[in-house]
N, C-alpha and C. Protein backbone atom coordinates (compact mmCIF):
# COMPACT_ATOMS: atom_id res chain seq x y z
N UNK A 1 105.50 75.58 122.60
CA UNK A 1 106.46 74.93 121.71
C UNK A 1 105.75 73.95 120.80
N UNK A 2 104.70 73.32 121.29
CA UNK A 2 103.96 72.38 120.47
C UNK A 2 103.27 73.07 119.30
N UNK A 3 102.73 74.28 119.56
CA UNK A 3 102.10 75.04 118.48
C UNK A 3 103.12 75.43 117.42
N UNK A 4 104.31 75.84 117.85
CA UNK A 4 105.36 76.21 116.91
C UNK A 4 105.79 75.01 116.07
N UNK A 5 105.92 73.86 116.72
CA UNK A 5 106.28 72.64 116.00
C UNK A 5 105.20 72.25 115.01
N UNK A 6 103.94 72.34 115.41
CA UNK A 6 102.83 72.01 114.52
C UNK A 6 102.78 72.96 113.34
N UNK A 7 102.95 74.24 113.61
CA UNK A 7 102.93 75.23 112.54
C UNK A 7 104.07 75.00 111.56
N UNK A 8 105.27 74.77 112.06
CA UNK A 8 106.43 74.55 111.20
C UNK A 8 106.26 73.28 110.37
N UNK A 9 105.77 72.23 111.00
CA UNK A 9 105.56 70.97 110.28
C UNK A 9 104.51 71.12 109.19
N UNK A 10 103.41 71.80 109.49
CA UNK A 10 102.37 71.98 108.48
C UNK A 10 102.84 72.86 107.34
N UNK A 11 103.62 73.87 107.63
CA UNK A 11 104.16 74.72 106.56
C UNK A 11 105.09 73.92 105.67
N UNK A 12 105.95 73.12 106.26
CA UNK A 12 106.87 72.30 105.46
C UNK A 12 106.12 71.27 104.62
N UNK A 13 105.09 70.65 105.18
CA UNK A 13 104.32 69.66 104.43
C UNK A 13 103.57 70.30 103.26
N UNK A 14 102.93 71.43 103.51
CA UNK A 14 102.17 72.10 102.46
C UNK A 14 103.09 72.57 101.34
N UNK A 15 104.21 73.21 101.69
CA UNK A 15 105.11 73.71 100.65
C UNK A 15 105.75 72.57 99.86
N UNK A 16 106.10 71.48 100.54
CA UNK A 16 106.69 70.36 99.79
C UNK A 16 105.64 69.69 98.91
N UNK A 17 104.39 69.61 99.36
CA UNK A 17 103.33 69.06 98.52
C UNK A 17 103.10 69.92 97.29
N UNK A 18 103.04 71.23 97.46
CA UNK A 18 102.84 72.14 96.32
C UNK A 18 104.02 72.06 95.35
N UNK A 19 105.23 72.00 95.89
CA UNK A 19 106.42 71.91 95.04
C UNK A 19 106.42 70.62 94.23
N UNK A 20 106.13 69.50 94.88
CA UNK A 20 106.09 68.22 94.16
C UNK A 20 104.97 68.19 93.13
N UNK A 21 103.81 68.73 93.48
CA UNK A 21 102.70 68.77 92.53
C UNK A 21 103.04 69.63 91.33
N UNK A 22 103.69 70.75 91.55
CA UNK A 22 104.06 71.63 90.44
C UNK A 22 105.13 71.01 89.55
N UNK A 23 105.91 70.12 90.11
CA UNK A 23 106.97 69.48 89.33
C UNK A 23 106.45 68.29 88.52
N UNK A 24 105.55 67.50 89.09
CA UNK A 24 105.13 66.27 88.44
C UNK A 24 103.81 66.35 87.68
N UNK A 25 102.94 67.29 87.99
CA UNK A 25 101.63 67.34 87.35
C UNK A 25 101.60 67.93 85.93
N UNK A 26 102.35 68.97 85.62
CA UNK A 26 102.18 69.56 84.28
C UNK A 26 102.71 68.65 83.18
N UNK A 27 102.03 68.72 82.04
CA UNK A 27 102.49 68.01 80.85
C UNK A 27 103.57 68.85 80.19
N UNK A 28 104.66 68.23 79.88
CA UNK A 28 105.78 68.97 79.31
C UNK A 28 105.89 68.68 77.82
N UNK A 29 105.50 69.65 77.02
CA UNK A 29 105.63 69.56 75.56
C UNK A 29 106.74 70.51 75.14
N UNK A 30 107.94 70.00 75.08
CA UNK A 30 109.09 70.84 74.78
C UNK A 30 109.34 70.80 73.27
N UNK A 31 109.37 71.99 72.67
CA UNK A 31 109.74 72.10 71.27
C UNK A 31 110.83 73.15 71.14
N UNK A 32 111.33 73.35 69.94
CA UNK A 32 112.46 74.27 69.76
C UNK A 32 112.07 75.71 70.09
N UNK A 33 110.82 76.08 69.84
CA UNK A 33 110.40 77.45 70.11
C UNK A 33 110.37 77.72 71.62
N UNK A 34 109.86 76.77 72.39
CA UNK A 34 109.78 76.95 73.84
C UNK A 34 111.13 76.84 74.52
N UNK A 35 112.01 76.02 74.00
CA UNK A 35 113.31 75.83 74.64
C UNK A 35 114.33 76.85 74.17
N UNK A 36 113.94 77.77 73.31
CA UNK A 36 114.85 78.80 72.83
C UNK A 36 115.14 79.81 73.94
N UNK A 37 116.39 80.27 74.08
CA UNK A 37 116.70 81.21 75.15
C UNK A 37 116.24 82.64 74.86
N UNK A 38 115.75 82.90 73.67
CA UNK A 38 115.34 84.25 73.31
C UNK A 38 113.88 84.47 73.68
N UNK A 39 113.58 85.68 74.12
CA UNK A 39 112.23 85.98 74.59
C UNK A 39 111.67 87.19 73.85
N UNK A 40 110.45 87.50 74.14
CA UNK A 40 109.77 88.71 73.68
C UNK A 40 109.58 88.75 72.17
N UNK A 41 109.60 87.64 71.49
CA UNK A 41 109.32 87.62 70.06
C UNK A 41 110.44 88.12 69.19
N UNK A 42 111.63 88.29 69.70
CA UNK A 42 112.74 88.73 68.87
C UNK A 42 113.27 87.55 68.07
N UNK A 43 113.63 87.81 66.86
CA UNK A 43 114.19 86.77 66.01
C UNK A 43 115.65 86.57 66.38
N UNK A 44 116.06 85.37 66.79
CA UNK A 44 117.45 85.17 67.23
C UNK A 44 118.44 85.19 66.08
N UNK A 45 117.96 85.14 64.85
CA UNK A 45 118.88 85.13 63.71
C UNK A 45 119.21 86.53 63.22
N UNK A 46 118.44 87.52 63.62
CA UNK A 46 118.71 88.90 63.22
C UNK A 46 119.79 89.52 64.10
N UNK A 47 120.13 90.75 63.79
CA UNK A 47 121.14 91.47 64.57
C UNK A 47 120.63 91.74 65.98
N UNK A 48 121.53 91.71 66.93
CA UNK A 48 121.16 91.98 68.32
C UNK A 48 121.10 93.48 68.60
N UNK A 49 121.42 94.29 67.64
CA UNK A 49 121.47 95.74 67.85
C UNK A 49 120.27 96.46 67.24
N UNK A 50 119.10 95.85 67.30
CA UNK A 50 117.89 96.49 66.79
C UNK A 50 117.45 97.54 67.80
N UNK A 51 117.20 98.77 67.38
CA UNK A 51 116.80 99.81 68.33
C UNK A 51 115.38 99.56 68.85
N UNK A 52 115.20 99.85 70.13
CA UNK A 52 113.88 99.73 70.74
C UNK A 52 113.12 101.03 70.59
N UNK A 53 111.82 100.91 70.62
CA UNK A 53 110.97 102.09 70.60
C UNK A 53 111.00 102.75 71.97
N UNK A 54 110.99 104.07 71.98
CA UNK A 54 110.94 104.80 73.24
C UNK A 54 109.63 104.52 73.97
N UNK A 55 108.56 104.29 73.21
CA UNK A 55 107.25 103.99 73.81
C UNK A 55 107.31 102.70 74.64
N UNK A 56 108.08 101.73 74.15
CA UNK A 56 108.22 100.47 74.88
C UNK A 56 108.79 100.74 76.27
N UNK A 57 109.84 101.55 76.35
CA UNK A 57 110.45 101.85 77.64
C UNK A 57 109.51 102.68 78.52
N UNK A 58 108.76 103.60 77.93
CA UNK A 58 107.83 104.43 78.69
C UNK A 58 106.74 103.58 79.32
N UNK A 59 106.17 102.67 78.54
CA UNK A 59 105.12 101.81 79.08
C UNK A 59 105.70 100.88 80.14
N UNK A 60 106.92 100.38 79.94
CA UNK A 60 107.55 99.52 80.94
C UNK A 60 107.80 100.27 82.25
N UNK A 61 108.24 101.51 82.16
CA UNK A 61 108.49 102.30 83.37
C UNK A 61 107.18 102.62 84.08
N UNK A 62 106.13 102.92 83.31
CA UNK A 62 104.83 103.18 83.93
C UNK A 62 104.30 101.92 84.62
N UNK A 63 104.51 100.76 84.00
CA UNK A 63 104.09 99.52 84.63
C UNK A 63 104.83 99.32 85.95
N UNK A 64 106.14 99.54 85.95
CA UNK A 64 106.91 99.38 87.18
C UNK A 64 106.46 100.37 88.25
N UNK A 65 106.14 101.59 87.84
CA UNK A 65 105.69 102.60 88.79
C UNK A 65 104.40 102.17 89.47
N UNK A 66 103.44 101.71 88.68
CA UNK A 66 102.16 101.33 89.28
C UNK A 66 102.24 99.98 89.98
N UNK A 67 103.19 99.15 89.61
CA UNK A 67 103.43 97.91 90.32
C UNK A 67 104.03 98.22 91.69
N UNK A 68 104.92 99.18 91.74
CA UNK A 68 105.52 99.60 93.01
C UNK A 68 104.48 100.25 93.91
N UNK A 69 103.50 100.89 93.31
CA UNK A 69 102.42 101.51 94.10
C UNK A 69 101.71 100.46 94.94
N UNK A 70 101.47 99.29 94.38
CA UNK A 70 100.80 98.23 95.13
C UNK A 70 101.65 97.83 96.34
N UNK A 71 102.96 97.72 96.13
CA UNK A 71 103.84 97.33 97.23
C UNK A 71 103.85 98.40 98.32
N UNK A 72 103.72 99.65 97.94
CA UNK A 72 103.71 100.73 98.93
C UNK A 72 102.39 100.80 99.69
N UNK A 73 101.32 100.26 99.10
CA UNK A 73 100.02 100.30 99.76
C UNK A 73 99.77 99.08 100.66
N UNK A 74 100.65 98.08 100.62
CA UNK A 74 100.46 96.89 101.44
C UNK A 74 100.37 97.18 102.94
N UNK A 75 101.20 98.06 103.51
CA UNK A 75 101.12 98.27 104.96
C UNK A 75 99.90 99.06 105.41
N UNK A 76 99.06 99.50 104.51
CA UNK A 76 97.93 100.35 104.89
C UNK A 76 96.98 99.70 105.89
N UNK A 77 96.49 98.47 105.69
CA UNK A 77 95.56 97.91 106.68
C UNK A 77 96.17 97.77 108.07
N UNK A 78 97.42 97.36 108.15
CA UNK A 78 98.08 97.24 109.45
C UNK A 78 98.29 98.62 110.07
N UNK A 79 98.62 99.59 109.23
CA UNK A 79 98.84 100.95 109.72
C UNK A 79 97.55 101.56 110.26
N UNK A 80 96.42 101.21 109.66
CA UNK A 80 95.13 101.72 110.15
C UNK A 80 94.85 101.16 111.54
N UNK A 81 95.26 99.91 111.78
CA UNK A 81 95.02 99.30 113.09
C UNK A 81 95.93 99.89 114.17
N UNK A 82 97.16 100.26 113.80
CA UNK A 82 98.14 100.71 114.78
C UNK A 82 97.97 102.19 115.13
N UNK A 83 97.89 103.03 114.12
CA UNK A 83 97.82 104.48 114.36
C UNK A 83 96.37 104.95 114.28
N UNK A 84 96.13 106.20 114.57
CA UNK A 84 94.76 106.74 114.42
C UNK A 84 94.29 106.55 112.97
N UNK A 85 93.06 106.07 112.79
CA UNK A 85 92.62 105.66 111.45
C UNK A 85 92.62 106.77 110.40
N UNK A 86 92.50 107.99 110.80
CA UNK A 86 92.41 109.07 109.81
C UNK A 86 93.76 109.39 109.18
N UNK A 87 94.85 109.26 109.94
CA UNK A 87 96.18 109.60 109.43
C UNK A 87 96.59 108.78 108.20
N UNK A 88 96.61 107.44 108.26
CA UNK A 88 97.04 106.67 107.08
C UNK A 88 96.08 106.81 105.90
N UNK A 89 94.81 107.03 106.19
CA UNK A 89 93.85 107.20 105.09
C UNK A 89 94.14 108.49 104.34
N UNK A 90 94.45 109.56 105.05
CA UNK A 90 94.77 110.83 104.40
C UNK A 90 96.07 110.72 103.61
N UNK A 91 97.09 110.08 104.19
CA UNK A 91 98.36 109.90 103.49
C UNK A 91 98.17 109.05 102.23
N UNK A 92 97.37 107.99 102.34
CA UNK A 92 97.11 107.14 101.19
C UNK A 92 96.32 107.88 100.13
N UNK A 93 95.36 108.69 100.54
CA UNK A 93 94.60 109.47 99.58
C UNK A 93 95.49 110.45 98.83
N UNK A 94 96.40 111.11 99.53
CA UNK A 94 97.33 112.03 98.87
C UNK A 94 98.23 111.28 97.90
N UNK A 95 98.72 110.11 98.32
CA UNK A 95 99.58 109.28 97.47
C UNK A 95 98.85 108.86 96.20
N UNK A 96 97.62 108.38 96.35
CA UNK A 96 96.85 107.97 95.18
C UNK A 96 96.45 109.15 94.31
N UNK A 97 96.23 110.31 94.92
CA UNK A 97 95.91 111.51 94.14
C UNK A 97 97.09 111.92 93.26
N UNK A 98 98.30 111.88 93.83
CA UNK A 98 99.50 112.22 93.05
C UNK A 98 99.67 111.23 91.90
N UNK A 99 99.48 109.94 92.16
CA UNK A 99 99.61 108.94 91.11
C UNK A 99 98.53 109.10 90.05
N UNK A 100 97.31 109.43 90.47
CA UNK A 100 96.23 109.63 89.50
C UNK A 100 96.49 110.86 88.64
N UNK A 101 96.98 111.92 89.24
CA UNK A 101 97.31 113.12 88.45
C UNK A 101 98.43 112.82 87.45
N UNK A 102 99.42 112.04 87.86
CA UNK A 102 100.49 111.64 86.94
C UNK A 102 99.97 110.79 85.81
N UNK A 103 99.03 109.88 86.11
CA UNK A 103 98.44 109.06 85.06
C UNK A 103 97.62 109.89 84.09
N UNK A 104 96.87 110.84 84.61
CA UNK A 104 96.08 111.74 83.74
C UNK A 104 97.02 112.57 82.87
N UNK A 105 98.12 113.05 83.43
CA UNK A 105 99.09 113.82 82.66
C UNK A 105 99.66 112.99 81.51
N UNK A 106 100.03 111.73 81.82
CA UNK A 106 100.57 110.85 80.78
C UNK A 106 99.52 110.54 79.72
N UNK A 107 98.29 110.37 80.14
CA UNK A 107 97.22 110.04 79.22
C UNK A 107 96.94 111.22 78.28
N UNK A 108 96.90 112.43 78.83
CA UNK A 108 96.64 113.63 78.01
C UNK A 108 97.77 113.86 77.02
N UNK A 109 99.02 113.65 77.44
CA UNK A 109 100.17 113.88 76.57
C UNK A 109 100.44 112.72 75.61
N UNK A 110 99.61 111.68 75.66
CA UNK A 110 99.76 110.56 74.72
C UNK A 110 100.83 109.57 75.11
N UNK A 111 101.24 109.56 76.36
CA UNK A 111 102.26 108.62 76.79
C UNK A 111 101.78 107.18 76.87
N UNK A 112 100.47 106.99 76.91
CA UNK A 112 99.92 105.65 77.00
C UNK A 112 99.50 105.09 75.63
N UNK A 113 99.61 105.90 74.59
CA UNK A 113 99.28 105.42 73.25
C UNK A 113 100.40 104.56 72.73
N UNK A 114 100.11 103.31 72.43
CA UNK A 114 101.16 102.39 71.99
C UNK A 114 101.58 102.72 70.56
N UNK A 115 100.62 102.93 69.69
CA UNK A 115 100.92 103.27 68.29
C UNK A 115 100.71 104.75 68.06
N UNK A 116 101.56 105.31 67.24
CA UNK A 116 101.44 106.75 66.97
C UNK A 116 100.58 107.00 65.75
C-alpha cells in the first residue's frame, strides 16, 4: 500500500508541476491573427462555401491511415513477449507489406503529388 501511495503521490505532483509550468511559463503575445477562430489560412471575410481540392482530402486520409498504423503497431513489443516471437513478427511484416504496397500504388498513380 505504501508503494501505491508513493506512486500516486509522485504522479500527482509531477502532473501538477507540468500543468502549472505550462500555464505560467510561456510568453503570451495575443494579436488579432492568433485569437481569430478561423484556421488553416482561410480568409474569414470570404464565402464559407469555397470548394476544397480532392487532393487535400486524399492526403489527409493517407495521413490518418499511416497515423493509425502507428497505433496498431504499439502492442507489438508486448505481444512478442507474450506469444511465440515469430508469430507477431510475421503478422507485423504482412501488415507493413500491405501498407507499403498501398503506398507504392498511391505514389505510382500520383496520389501523393500535391500540385498537378
